[in-house]
């Protein structure tokens, strides 16, 4: 679907650009299509057409630049995915602003008149478009303030998930069951927000294993540490530790503590570690 949409976009862009070149190379055709008369109303077609072409060209180049940044340049840097996504989004905003003012210039609209019009429109914005403007400004604040970034695990108004996108109007949150929720940017800033990815203590995991007291406890500790050392998804610092936390009845309980490199892998990693440790303990006949 995306490749088909991209092809349609390229064809439309080529047609518009070809039309602009045709008008530029054919003065007679340009004169014929310069204006459209509907009764006493005269509509300047050529400036409108060229303005549309300019807008499409700038946005096409902007999207192309965003793809290059995302897929070729930024992936080679040491920047985290959240910062990379912020740079790509800001590039889109800059392209939109350039396209807007370029179109105004092509149409011959004085910026002073735009200011007057904006002032007159402010009343309407205050009522009808208040939420749109509020969400847009909130989105810019989120991008520059970096309270949350793409791939962060967050809790927003009681909803926990991973931030997938920060768009102009809303933030896209993916929950644990794969459901994607769009939350207005203004709501993200105005409600309770917890960024679990910035809390170092949540990077720590711990799991308990109980073995019979008759087992070789030294060997059990060695198995736990060996499995942790071989797991690439665990950080080397702080180093994994094993403690005997409880002796109850005929069993002794050990606790393995370690730090996760990526908090988003926490649940899957805990499951894998349990299975690996269980397999190793059985192979060595420690349980």
Protein backbone atom coordinates (compact mmCIF):
# COMPACT_ATOMS: atom_id res chain seq x y z
CA UNK A 1 0.00 0.00 0.00
CA UNK A 2 2.78 2.41 0.91
CA UNK A 3 4.72 1.69 -2.32
CA UNK A 4 1.55 2.24 -4.36
CA UNK A 5 0.89 5.54 -2.59
CA UNK A 6 4.51 6.57 -3.18
CA UNK A 7 4.15 5.80 -6.92
CA UNK A 8 0.95 7.85 -7.18
CA UNK A 9 2.69 10.69 -5.36
CA UNK A 10 5.61 10.62 -7.83
CA UNK A 11 3.30 10.53 -10.86
CA UNK A 12 1.25 13.45 -9.55
CA UNK A 13 4.42 15.40 -8.79
CA UNK A 14 5.78 14.73 -12.31
CA UNK A 15 2.51 15.89 -13.94
CA UNK A 16 2.45 19.10 -11.91
CA UNK A 17 6.11 19.83 -12.60
CA UNK A 18 5.64 19.09 -16.32
CA UNK A 19 2.68 21.44 -16.45
CA UNK A 20 4.72 24.20 -14.81
CA UNK A 21 7.55 23.74 -17.34
CA UNK A 22 5.06 23.72 -20.22
CA UNK A 23 3.55 27.00 -19.10
CA UNK A 24 6.99 28.49 -18.64
CA UNK A 25 8.13 27.48 -22.16
CA UNK A 26 4.88 28.45 -23.92
CA UNK A 27 4.04 32.15 -23.43
CA UNK A 28 0.88 31.86 -25.55
CA UNK A 29 -0.46 28.98 -23.49
CA UNK A 30 0.44 30.80 -20.31
CA UNK A 31 -1.42 33.90 -21.53
CA UNK A 32 -4.46 31.84 -22.42
CA UNK A 33 -4.55 30.14 -19.02
CA UNK A 34 -3.48 33.14 -16.96
CA UNK A 35 -6.97 34.08 -15.86
CA UNK A 36 -10.39 32.54 -15.65
CA UNK A 37 -13.41 34.82 -16.00
CA UNK A 38 -16.60 33.76 -14.27
CA UNK A 39 -19.04 36.60 -14.73
CA UNK A 40 -17.41 39.64 -13.19
CA UNK A 41 -15.03 37.53 -11.13
CA UNK A 42 -11.47 37.07 -12.43
CA UNK A 43 -9.47 34.19 -11.00
CA UNK A 44 -5.67 34.25 -11.60
CA UNK A 45 -4.99 30.62 -12.52
CA UNK A 46 -1.28 30.81 -13.30
CA UNK A 47 -0.19 32.16 -9.88
CA UNK A 48 -2.42 29.61 -8.16
CA UNK A 49 -1.01 26.79 -10.27
CA UNK A 50 2.62 27.82 -9.71
CA UNK A 51 1.95 28.23 -5.99
CA UNK A 52 0.52 24.71 -5.85
CA UNK A 53 3.55 23.36 -7.72
CA UNK A 54 5.94 25.17 -5.38
CA UNK A 55 4.14 23.80 -2.33
CA UNK A 56 4.18 20.24 -3.68
CA UNK A 57 7.83 20.47 -4.73
CA UNK A 58 8.96 21.76 -1.33
CA UNK A 59 6.94 19.13 0.54
CA UNK A 60 8.21 16.39 -1.81
CA UNK A 61 11.82 17.45 -1.21
CA UNK A 62 11.13 17.67 2.52
CA UNK A 63 9.74 14.14 2.67
CA UNK A 64 12.66 12.89 0.58
CA UNK A 65 15.09 14.56 2.98
CA UNK A 66 13.26 13.01 5.93
CA UNK A 67 13.61 9.54 4.40
CA UNK A 68 17.33 10.08 3.78
CA UNK A 69 17.86 11.30 7.34
CA UNK A 70 15.85 8.43 8.83
CA UNK A 71 17.11 5.54 6.73
CA UNK A 72 20.66 6.52 5.75
CA UNK A 73 22.26 9.29 7.80
CA UNK A 74 20.91 9.17 11.35
CA UNK A 75 21.15 5.39 11.64
CA UNK A 76 24.92 5.73 11.32
CA UNK A 77 25.17 8.07 14.31
CA UNK A 78 25.20 7.32 18.03
CA UNK A 79 21.94 9.22 18.56
CA UNK A 80 19.19 7.23 20.26
CA UNK A 81 16.01 6.45 18.25
CA UNK A 82 14.01 9.12 20.09
CA UNK A 83 16.43 11.89 19.14
CA UNK A 84 16.55 10.64 15.55
CA UNK A 85 12.75 10.75 15.31
CA UNK A 86 12.74 14.29 16.76
CA UNK A 87 15.20 15.51 14.11
CA UNK A 88 13.09 13.95 11.34
CA UNK A 89 9.90 15.57 12.68
CA UNK A 90 11.53 19.00 13.05
CA UNK A 91 12.77 18.75 9.45
CA UNK A 92 9.15 18.25 8.38
CA UNK A 93 8.06 21.35 10.32
CA UNK A 94 10.81 23.45 8.72
CA UNK A 95 9.81 22.28 5.23
CA UNK A 96 6.16 23.16 5.90
CA UNK A 97 7.10 26.69 7.05
CA UNK A 98 9.32 27.23 3.98
CA UNK A 99 6.55 26.04 1.66
CA UNK A 100 3.99 28.32 3.34
CA UNK A 101 6.03 31.53 3.06
CA UNK A 102 7.23 30.68 -0.46
CA UNK A 103 3.62 30.27 -1.61
CA UNK A 104 2.72 33.62 -0.04
CA UNK A 105 5.59 35.24 -1.92
CA UNK A 106 4.53 33.65 -5.23
CA UNK A 107 0.97 34.88 -4.77
CA UNK A 108 2.25 38.38 -4.05
CA UNK A 109 0.69 38.49 -0.61
CA UNK A 110 2.30 41.02 1.71
CA UNK A 111 3.23 39.62 5.09
CA UNK A 112 1.72 42.72 6.69
CA UNK A 113 -1.63 41.72 5.23
CA UNK A 114 -1.11 38.23 6.58
CA UNK A 115 -0.57 39.70 10.05
CA UNK A 116 -3.81 41.69 9.75
CA UNK A 117 -5.66 38.60 8.53
CA UNK A 118 -4.17 36.52 11.35
CA UNK A 119 -5.33 39.10 13.84
CA UNK A 120 -8.84 38.99 12.44
CA UNK A 121 -8.74 35.20 12.45
CA UNK A 122 -7.51 35.00 16.02
CA UNK A 123 -11.06 35.25 17.35
CA UNK A 124 -12.05 32.26 15.24
CA UNK A 125 -8.96 30.37 16.35
CA UNK A 126 -9.80 31.16 19.93
CA UNK A 127 -13.10 29.32 19.54
CA UNK A 128 -13.16 26.93 16.60
CA UNK A 129 -9.49 26.02 16.18
CA UNK A 130 -8.32 26.27 19.77
CA UNK A 131 -7.78 22.54 20.16
CA UNK A 132 -5.92 22.26 16.85
CA UNK A 133 -3.52 25.07 17.68
CA UNK A 134 -3.12 23.82 21.26
CA UNK A 135 -2.22 20.30 20.08
CA UNK A 136 0.22 21.66 17.48
CA UNK A 137 2.06 23.83 20.01
CA UNK A 138 2.05 20.95 22.52
CA UNK A 139 3.58 18.69 19.85
CA UNK A 140 6.40 21.19 19.28
CA UNK A 141 6.98 21.37 23.05
CA UNK A 142 7.16 17.57 23.27
CA UNK A 143 9.67 17.40 20.41
CA UNK A 144 11.96 20.12 21.76
CA UNK A 145 11.40 19.52 25.48
CA UNK A 146 12.09 15.78 25.05
CA UNK A 147 10.01 14.85 28.08
CA UNK A 148 9.21 11.74 26.07
CA UNK A 149 10.77 10.36 22.91
CA UNK A 150 9.97 7.69 20.36
CA UNK A 151 10.48 4.16 21.80
CA UNK A 152 10.13 5.36 25.39
CA UNK A 153 7.90 3.27 27.65
CA UNK A 154 5.48 5.67 29.33
CA UNK A 155 2.31 5.82 31.39
CA UNK A 156 -0.05 8.57 30.19
CA UNK A 157 -3.22 9.08 32.21
CA UNK A 158 -3.11 5.46 33.36
CA UNK A 159 -2.38 4.02 29.89
CA UNK A 160 0.99 2.25 29.63
CA UNK A 161 2.75 1.60 26.34
CA UNK A 162 5.59 2.50 23.99
CA UNK A 163 5.67 5.83 22.15
CA UNK A 164 5.70 5.06 18.43
CA UNK A 165 5.23 8.54 16.93
CA UNK A 166 4.88 12.16 17.99
CA UNK A 167 2.83 13.79 15.25
CA UNK A 168 1.64 17.37 14.75
CA UNK A 169 -1.67 16.73 16.48
CA UNK A 170 -1.28 13.58 18.56
CA UNK A 171 1.10 11.09 20.15
CA UNK A 172 0.79 7.44 19.11
CA UNK A 173 1.07 4.97 21.98
CA UNK A 174 1.30 1.18 21.49
CA UNK A 175 0.04 -0.87 24.43
CA UNK A 176 1.31 -4.28 25.52
CA UNK A 177 -1.42 -6.10 23.54
CA UNK A 178 -0.48 -4.31 20.31
CA UNK A 179 -3.30 -1.73 20.32
CA UNK A 180 -2.25 1.72 19.11
CA UNK A 181 -3.84 4.70 20.85
CA UNK A 182 -3.77 8.29 19.59
CA UNK A 183 -3.55 10.75 22.49
CA UNK A 184 -3.87 14.50 21.76
CA UNK A 185 -0.57 16.26 22.45
CA UNK A 186 -2.28 18.77 24.73
CA UNK A 187 -3.58 15.89 26.87
CA UNK A 188 -0.07 14.40 27.10
CA UNK A 189 1.23 17.63 28.64
CA UNK A 190 -1.77 18.33 30.85
CA UNK A 191 -2.25 14.89 32.40
CA UNK A 192 -0.17 12.59 34.61
CA UNK A 193 2.89 11.38 32.71
CA UNK A 194 5.48 8.85 33.82
CA UNK A 195 8.44 8.04 31.59
CA UNK A 196 9.60 4.60 32.67
CA UNK A 197 12.54 4.66 30.25
CA UNK A 198 14.22 7.51 32.15
CA UNK A 199 14.01 5.77 35.52
CA UNK A 200 17.18 3.76 35.97
CA UNK A 201 15.70 1.61 38.69
CA UNK A 202 13.18 0.14 36.22
CA UNK A 203 16.11 -1.18 34.17
CA UNK A 204 16.89 -3.59 36.99
CA UNK A 205 15.33 -7.02 36.92
CA UNK A 206 15.26 -9.74 39.51
CA UNK A 207 14.03 -13.30 39.45
CA UNK A 208 13.90 -15.95 42.15
CA UNK A 209 14.75 -19.65 41.94
CA UNK A 210 14.16 -22.16 44.68
CA UNK A 211 16.18 -25.39 44.89
CA UNK A 212 16.32 -28.17 47.47
CA UNK A 213 18.67 -27.54 50.38
CA UNK A 214 20.45 -30.73 49.45
CA UNK A 215 21.54 -29.19 46.12
CA UNK A 216 25.05 -27.91 45.55
CA UNK A 217 24.32 -24.25 46.32
CA UNK A 218 27.67 -23.10 44.93
CA UNK A 219 26.93 -24.80 41.63
CA UNK A 220 23.46 -23.22 41.57
CA UNK A 221 24.97 -19.76 42.02
CA UNK A 222 27.46 -20.46 39.24
CA UNK A 223 24.66 -21.49 36.87
CA UNK A 224 22.70 -18.30 37.55
CA UNK A 225 25.75 -16.09 36.99
CA UNK A 226 26.83 -18.03 33.89
CA UNK A 227 23.41 -17.64 32.25
CA UNK A 228 23.37 -13.91 33.08
CA UNK A 229 26.90 -13.40 31.72
CA UNK A 230 26.02 -15.08 28.42
CA UNK A 231 22.86 -13.01 27.91
CA UNK A 232 23.68 -10.12 25.53
CA UNK A 233 20.53 -8.21 26.42
CA UNK A 234 21.83 -7.68 29.95
CA UNK A 235 24.20 -4.81 30.77
CA UNK A 236 27.71 -5.55 32.07
CA UNK A 237 27.48 -2.64 34.52
CA UNK A 238 26.25 -3.07 37.17
CA UNK A 239 27.35 -6.69 37.10
CA UNK A 240 24.71 -9.38 37.74
CA UNK A 241 24.55 -10.60 41.33
CA UNK A 242 23.14 -13.70 43.03
CA UNK A 243 21.98 -13.70 46.66
CA UNK A 244 20.46 -16.34 48.89
CA UNK A 245 17.29 -14.56 50.00
CA UNK A 246 15.32 -17.19 51.87
CA UNK A 247 15.54 -20.64 53.49
CA UNK A 248 12.12 -22.15 54.07
CA UNK A 249 11.28 -25.73 54.73
CA UNK A 250 13.36 -27.95 52.46
CA UNK A 251 14.25 -25.30 49.87
CA UNK A 252 16.62 -22.39 49.55
CA UNK A 253 15.73 -19.40 47.36
CA UNK A 254 18.26 -17.50 45.26
CA UNK A 255 17.65 -14.10 43.67
CA UNK A 256 19.39 -13.07 40.44
CA UNK A 257 19.59 -9.28 39.89
CA UNK A 258 20.82 -7.62 36.69
CA UNK A 259 20.35 -4.54 34.52
CA UNK A 260 18.54 -4.60 31.17
CA UNK A 261 19.97 -2.68 28.21
CA UNK A 262 16.54 -2.00 26.71
CA UNK A 263 13.63 -1.65 29.12
CA UNK A 264 11.19 -2.57 26.33
CA UNK A 265 12.65 -6.11 26.32
CA UNK A 266 12.17 -6.60 30.04
CA UNK A 267 9.24 -9.04 30.08
CA UNK A 268 10.53 -11.18 27.20
CA UNK A 269 14.00 -11.28 28.75
CA UNK A 270 12.68 -12.44 32.13
CA UNK A 271 10.84 -15.30 30.46
CA UNK A 272 13.92 -16.36 28.47
CA UNK A 273 16.16 -16.25 31.53
CA UNK A 274 13.81 -18.44 33.56
CA UNK A 275 13.75 -21.08 30.82
CA UNK A 276 17.53 -20.99 30.34
CA UNK A 277 18.22 -21.29 34.07
CA UNK A 278 15.69 -24.09 34.46
CA UNK A 279 17.29 -25.99 31.56
CA UNK A 280 20.80 -25.56 32.99
CA UNK A 281 19.78 -26.63 36.49
CA UNK A 282 18.10 -29.76 35.13
CA UNK A 283 21.07 -30.64 32.92
CA UNK A 284 23.38 -30.48 35.91
CA UNK A 285 20.83 -32.35 38.05
CA UNK A 286 20.67 -29.55 40.58
CA UNK A 287 16.87 -29.72 40.80
